[in-house]
Amino acid sequence: MNGYAVALNASMVVLAGAGGTAALTAGWVFPWLRKGMFRPRLWGYGLLVMAAAFALQLAGGLLIDDRGTELRFFTTPAAIGFVTALALMTFAQVASRDKR
């Protein structure tokens, strides 16, 4: 993994982790997302799953030299994490059907 990919992955781990923590603890989301956000805590969980997927991808790229092992134990679980994070973040923007 080259230096640019390491820097990009590391910065995404930090940014997604900070955004997820802020959404979980204080209900804060980025200003451009506030209009369409209905469940900020769910959005925070999605960001934390995304940060974990980036960290897993970074660890696989830095620690493992065998491509088969990296694909099996790091890249595939990271891809599943990205899809899960996308689903959580999408459901966070869907309005509830409750008519309270």
N, C-alpha and C. Protein backbone atom coordinates (compact mmCIF):
# COMPACT_ATOMS: atom_id res chain seq x y z
N MET A 1 0.86 -1.17 0.00
CA MET A 1 0.00 0.00 0.00
C MET A 1 0.91 1.23 0.00
N ASN A 2 0.66 2.14 -0.94
CA ASN A 2 1.52 3.31 -1.04
C ASN A 2 1.14 4.36 0.01
N GLY A 3 1.97 5.36 0.12
CA GLY A 3 1.79 6.38 1.15
C GLY A 3 0.51 7.18 1.02
N TYR A 4 0.08 7.43 -0.22
CA TYR A 4 -1.16 8.19 -0.43
C TYR A 4 -2.38 7.42 0.08
N ALA A 5 -2.42 6.12 -0.19
CA ALA A 5 -3.54 5.30 0.28
C ALA A 5 -3.53 5.19 1.80
N VAL A 6 -2.35 5.10 2.39
CA VAL A 6 -2.26 5.05 3.86
C VAL A 6 -2.77 6.35 4.46
N ALA A 7 -2.34 7.48 3.90
CA ALA A 7 -2.78 8.77 4.43
C ALA A 7 -4.28 8.96 4.26
N LEU A 8 -4.81 8.56 3.13
CA LEU A 8 -6.25 8.70 2.89
C LEU A 8 -7.05 7.80 3.83
N ASN A 9 -6.65 6.55 3.98
CA ASN A 9 -7.36 5.64 4.87
C ASN A 9 -7.27 6.11 6.33
N ALA A 10 -6.10 6.53 6.75
CA ALA A 10 -5.94 6.99 8.14
C ALA A 10 -6.78 8.22 8.41
N SER A 11 -6.83 9.15 7.46
CA SER A 11 -7.65 10.35 7.67
C SER A 11 -9.14 10.00 7.68
N MET A 12 -9.55 9.04 6.87
CA MET A 12 -10.97 8.64 6.88
C MET A 12 -11.34 7.93 8.18
N VAL A 13 -10.41 7.16 8.75
CA VAL A 13 -10.67 6.52 10.05
C VAL A 13 -10.91 7.59 11.11
N VAL A 14 -10.06 8.60 11.13
CA VAL A 14 -10.19 9.66 12.13
C VAL A 14 -11.46 10.48 11.91
N LEU A 15 -11.72 10.90 10.68
CA LEU A 15 -12.89 11.74 10.41
C LEU A 15 -14.20 11.00 10.64
N ALA A 16 -14.29 9.77 10.16
CA ALA A 16 -15.53 9.00 10.35
C ALA A 16 -15.71 8.66 11.83
N GLY A 17 -14.64 8.34 12.51
CA GLY A 17 -14.74 8.05 13.94
C GLY A 17 -15.18 9.26 14.75
N ALA A 18 -14.63 10.42 14.43
CA ALA A 18 -15.02 11.64 15.14
C ALA A 18 -16.46 12.02 14.84
N GLY A 19 -16.86 11.93 13.58
CA GLY A 19 -18.24 12.24 13.22
C GLY A 19 -19.24 11.28 13.84
N GLY A 20 -18.89 9.99 13.89
CA GLY A 20 -19.76 8.99 14.50
C GLY A 20 -19.89 9.20 16.00
N THR A 21 -18.79 9.52 16.64
CA THR A 21 -18.82 9.78 18.08
C THR A 21 -19.65 11.01 18.40
N ALA A 22 -19.51 12.05 17.60
CA ALA A 22 -20.30 13.27 17.82
C ALA A 22 -21.78 13.02 17.61
N ALA A 23 -22.12 12.21 16.62
CA ALA A 23 -23.53 11.92 16.36
C ALA A 23 -24.12 11.05 17.46
N LEU A 24 -23.35 10.13 18.01
CA LEU A 24 -23.86 9.26 19.07
C LEU A 24 -24.01 10.00 20.40
N THR A 25 -23.03 10.80 20.75
CA THR A 25 -23.05 11.42 22.08
C THR A 25 -23.91 12.67 22.13
N ALA A 26 -23.85 13.51 21.10
CA ALA A 26 -24.55 14.79 21.16
C ALA A 26 -25.66 14.94 20.13
N GLY A 27 -25.80 13.98 19.23
CA GLY A 27 -26.80 14.11 18.17
C GLY A 27 -26.38 15.10 17.09
N TRP A 28 -25.08 15.40 17.02
CA TRP A 28 -24.58 16.38 16.06
C TRP A 28 -24.23 15.69 14.76
N VAL A 29 -24.68 16.26 13.65
CA VAL A 29 -24.29 15.78 12.32
C VAL A 29 -23.75 16.97 11.54
N PHE A 30 -23.12 16.70 10.43
CA PHE A 30 -22.55 17.77 9.61
C PHE A 30 -23.65 18.74 9.18
N PRO A 31 -23.34 20.03 9.08
CA PRO A 31 -24.38 21.02 8.80
C PRO A 31 -25.15 20.78 7.50
N TRP A 32 -24.49 20.28 6.47
CA TRP A 32 -25.18 20.08 5.19
C TRP A 32 -26.09 18.85 5.21
N LEU A 33 -26.03 18.07 6.28
CA LEU A 33 -26.88 16.88 6.39
C LEU A 33 -28.05 17.07 7.36
N ARG A 34 -28.10 18.17 8.07
CA ARG A 34 -29.09 18.35 9.12
C ARG A 34 -30.52 18.40 8.61
N LYS A 35 -30.72 18.91 7.42
CA LYS A 35 -32.08 19.06 6.89
C LYS A 35 -32.77 17.72 6.69
N GLY A 36 -32.06 16.74 6.20
CA GLY A 36 -32.68 15.46 5.88
C GLY A 36 -32.40 14.36 6.88
N MET A 37 -31.84 14.72 8.05
CA MET A 37 -31.47 13.70 9.02
C MET A 37 -32.59 13.49 10.04
N PHE A 38 -33.09 12.26 10.13
CA PHE A 38 -34.17 11.96 11.07
C PHE A 38 -33.67 11.17 12.28
N ARG A 39 -32.60 10.41 12.12
CA ARG A 39 -32.07 9.60 13.22
C ARG A 39 -30.56 9.80 13.31
N PRO A 40 -30.09 10.81 14.01
CA PRO A 40 -28.65 11.07 14.07
C PRO A 40 -27.85 9.98 14.78
N ARG A 41 -28.46 9.29 15.75
CA ARG A 41 -27.73 8.22 16.44
C ARG A 41 -27.46 7.05 15.49
N LEU A 42 -28.42 6.70 14.66
CA LEU A 42 -28.22 5.64 13.67
C LEU A 42 -27.15 6.05 12.66
N TRP A 43 -27.15 7.33 12.30
CA TRP A 43 -26.11 7.86 11.41
C TRP A 43 -24.74 7.70 12.06
N GLY A 44 -24.67 7.96 13.37
CA GLY A 44 -23.41 7.81 14.09
C GLY A 44 -22.92 6.37 14.11
N TYR A 45 -23.85 5.42 14.30
CA TYR A 45 -23.46 4.01 14.24
C TYR A 45 -22.93 3.66 12.85
N GLY A 46 -23.56 4.18 11.81
CA GLY A 46 -23.08 3.94 10.46
C GLY A 46 -21.69 4.48 10.23
N LEU A 47 -21.42 5.68 10.76
CA LEU A 47 -20.09 6.25 10.61
C LEU A 47 -19.04 5.46 11.38
N LEU A 48 -19.41 4.95 12.56
CA LEU A 48 -18.45 4.15 13.32
C LEU A 48 -18.17 2.81 12.63
N VAL A 49 -19.18 2.22 12.02
CA VAL A 49 -18.95 0.99 11.25
C VAL A 49 -18.05 1.30 10.05
N MET A 50 -18.26 2.45 9.42
CA MET A 50 -17.41 2.84 8.29
C MET A 50 -15.97 3.07 8.74
N ALA A 51 -15.79 3.71 9.90
CA ALA A 51 -14.43 3.92 10.42
C ALA A 51 -13.75 2.59 10.70
N ALA A 52 -14.49 1.63 11.24
CA ALA A 52 -13.91 0.31 11.50
C ALA A 52 -13.54 -0.39 10.20
N ALA A 53 -14.36 -0.23 9.17
CA ALA A 53 -14.06 -0.85 7.87
C ALA A 53 -12.81 -0.22 7.25
N PHE A 54 -12.67 1.10 7.36
CA PHE A 54 -11.46 1.75 6.87
C PHE A 54 -10.23 1.29 7.65
N ALA A 55 -10.37 1.15 8.96
CA ALA A 55 -9.25 0.69 9.79
C ALA A 55 -8.86 -0.74 9.42
N LEU A 56 -9.84 -1.59 9.16
CA LEU A 56 -9.56 -2.96 8.77
C LEU A 56 -8.85 -3.00 7.41
N GLN A 57 -9.29 -2.18 6.50
CA GLN A 57 -8.65 -2.10 5.19
C GLN A 57 -7.22 -1.59 5.31
N LEU A 58 -7.02 -0.62 6.17
CA LEU A 58 -5.68 -0.07 6.39
C LEU A 58 -4.77 -1.11 7.01
N ALA A 59 -5.27 -1.83 8.01
CA ALA A 59 -4.45 -2.86 8.66
C ALA A 59 -4.08 -3.97 7.68
N GLY A 60 -5.02 -4.37 6.86
CA GLY A 60 -4.72 -5.41 5.87
C GLY A 60 -3.69 -4.97 4.87
N GLY A 61 -3.77 -3.73 4.44
CA GLY A 61 -2.81 -3.22 3.47
C GLY A 61 -1.41 -3.04 4.03
N LEU A 62 -1.33 -2.73 5.32
CA LEU A 62 -0.02 -2.49 5.92
C LEU A 62 0.64 -3.75 6.46
N LEU A 63 -0.14 -4.68 6.96
CA LEU A 63 0.44 -5.81 7.69
C LEU A 63 0.59 -7.08 6.88
N ILE A 64 -0.22 -7.26 5.84
CA ILE A 64 -0.25 -8.53 5.13
C ILE A 64 0.35 -8.36 3.73
N ASP A 65 1.27 -9.26 3.38
CA ASP A 65 1.88 -9.21 2.04
C ASP A 65 1.21 -10.17 1.07
N ASP A 66 0.61 -11.24 1.57
CA ASP A 66 -0.05 -12.22 0.71
C ASP A 66 -1.42 -11.70 0.30
N ARG A 67 -1.66 -11.59 -1.00
CA ARG A 67 -2.92 -11.01 -1.50
C ARG A 67 -4.13 -11.87 -1.16
N GLY A 68 -3.98 -13.19 -1.17
CA GLY A 68 -5.09 -14.07 -0.85
C GLY A 68 -5.53 -13.93 0.60
N THR A 69 -4.56 -13.86 1.49
CA THR A 69 -4.88 -13.68 2.91
C THR A 69 -5.49 -12.32 3.15
N GLU A 70 -4.95 -11.30 2.50
CA GLU A 70 -5.51 -9.96 2.66
C GLU A 70 -6.94 -9.90 2.17
N LEU A 71 -7.23 -10.53 1.04
CA LEU A 71 -8.59 -10.52 0.50
C LEU A 71 -9.54 -11.27 1.42
N ARG A 72 -9.13 -12.41 1.93
CA ARG A 72 -10.00 -13.25 2.74
C ARG A 72 -10.28 -12.65 4.11
N PHE A 73 -9.27 -12.10 4.76
CA PHE A 73 -9.43 -11.69 6.15
C PHE A 73 -9.56 -10.19 6.35
N PHE A 74 -9.26 -9.38 5.35
CA PHE A 74 -9.32 -7.93 5.54
C PHE A 74 -10.20 -7.23 4.52
N THR A 75 -9.99 -7.47 3.24
CA THR A 75 -10.70 -6.73 2.20
C THR A 75 -12.18 -7.10 2.14
N THR A 76 -12.49 -8.39 2.18
CA THR A 76 -13.89 -8.81 2.12
C THR A 76 -14.68 -8.36 3.35
N PRO A 77 -14.18 -8.54 4.58
CA PRO A 77 -14.92 -8.00 5.72
C PRO A 77 -15.05 -6.47 5.69
N ALA A 78 -14.04 -5.79 5.16
CA ALA A 78 -14.13 -4.33 5.05
C ALA A 78 -15.22 -3.94 4.06
N ALA A 79 -15.34 -4.66 2.95
CA ALA A 79 -16.39 -4.38 1.98
C ALA A 79 -17.77 -4.62 2.58
N ILE A 80 -17.91 -5.69 3.36
CA ILE A 80 -19.17 -5.95 4.05
C ILE A 80 -19.47 -4.84 5.05
N GLY A 81 -18.44 -4.34 5.72
CA GLY A 81 -18.62 -3.21 6.64
C GLY A 81 -19.06 -1.95 5.93
N PHE A 82 -18.50 -1.69 4.74
CA PHE A 82 -18.91 -0.51 3.98
C PHE A 82 -20.37 -0.60 3.55
N VAL A 83 -20.80 -1.77 3.12
CA VAL A 83 -22.20 -1.94 2.71
C VAL A 83 -23.13 -1.80 3.91
N THR A 84 -22.73 -2.36 5.05
CA THR A 84 -23.53 -2.23 6.27
C THR A 84 -23.62 -0.77 6.70
N ALA A 85 -22.50 -0.05 6.64
CA ALA A 85 -22.51 1.37 7.00
C ALA A 85 -23.40 2.17 6.06
N LEU A 86 -23.36 1.85 4.78
CA LEU A 86 -24.21 2.53 3.81
C LEU A 86 -25.69 2.30 4.14
N ALA A 87 -26.03 1.06 4.50
CA ALA A 87 -27.42 0.75 4.85
C ALA A 87 -27.85 1.52 6.10
N LEU A 88 -27.01 1.54 7.13
CA LEU A 88 -27.35 2.27 8.35
C LEU A 88 -27.52 3.76 8.08
N MET A 89 -26.63 4.33 7.30
CA MET A 89 -26.69 5.76 7.02
C MET A 89 -27.88 6.10 6.13
N THR A 90 -28.28 5.17 5.27
CA THR A 90 -29.46 5.39 4.44
C THR A 90 -30.72 5.35 5.29
N PHE A 91 -30.82 4.35 6.18
CA PHE A 91 -31.99 4.26 7.04
C PHE A 91 -32.08 5.43 8.01
N ALA A 92 -30.96 6.05 8.33
CA ALA A 92 -30.97 7.22 9.22
C ALA A 92 -31.65 8.42 8.55
N GLN A 93 -31.71 8.44 7.23
CA GLN A 93 -32.29 9.56 6.52
C GLN A 93 -33.71 9.31 6.08
N VAL A 94 -34.27 8.14 6.39
CA VAL A 94 -35.63 7.81 6.02
C VAL A 94 -36.57 8.22 7.16
N ALA A 95 -37.62 8.92 6.84
CA ALA A 95 -38.56 9.38 7.86
C ALA A 95 -39.31 8.19 8.46
N SER A 96 -39.65 8.31 9.71
CA SER A 96 -40.41 7.28 10.40
C SER A 96 -41.85 7.25 9.90
N ARG A 97 -42.48 6.08 9.96
CA ARG A 97 -43.87 5.97 9.52
C ARG A 97 -44.84 6.26 10.66
N ASP A 98 -44.32 6.45 11.87
CA ASP A 98 -45.18 6.74 13.03
C ASP A 98 -45.84 8.09 12.87
N LYS A 99 -47.11 8.16 13.19
CA LYS A 99 -47.85 9.43 13.14
C LYS A 99 -48.18 9.83 14.58
N ARG A 100 -47.16 10.17 15.34
CA ARG A 100 -47.36 10.53 16.75
C ARG A 100 -47.84 11.92 16.92
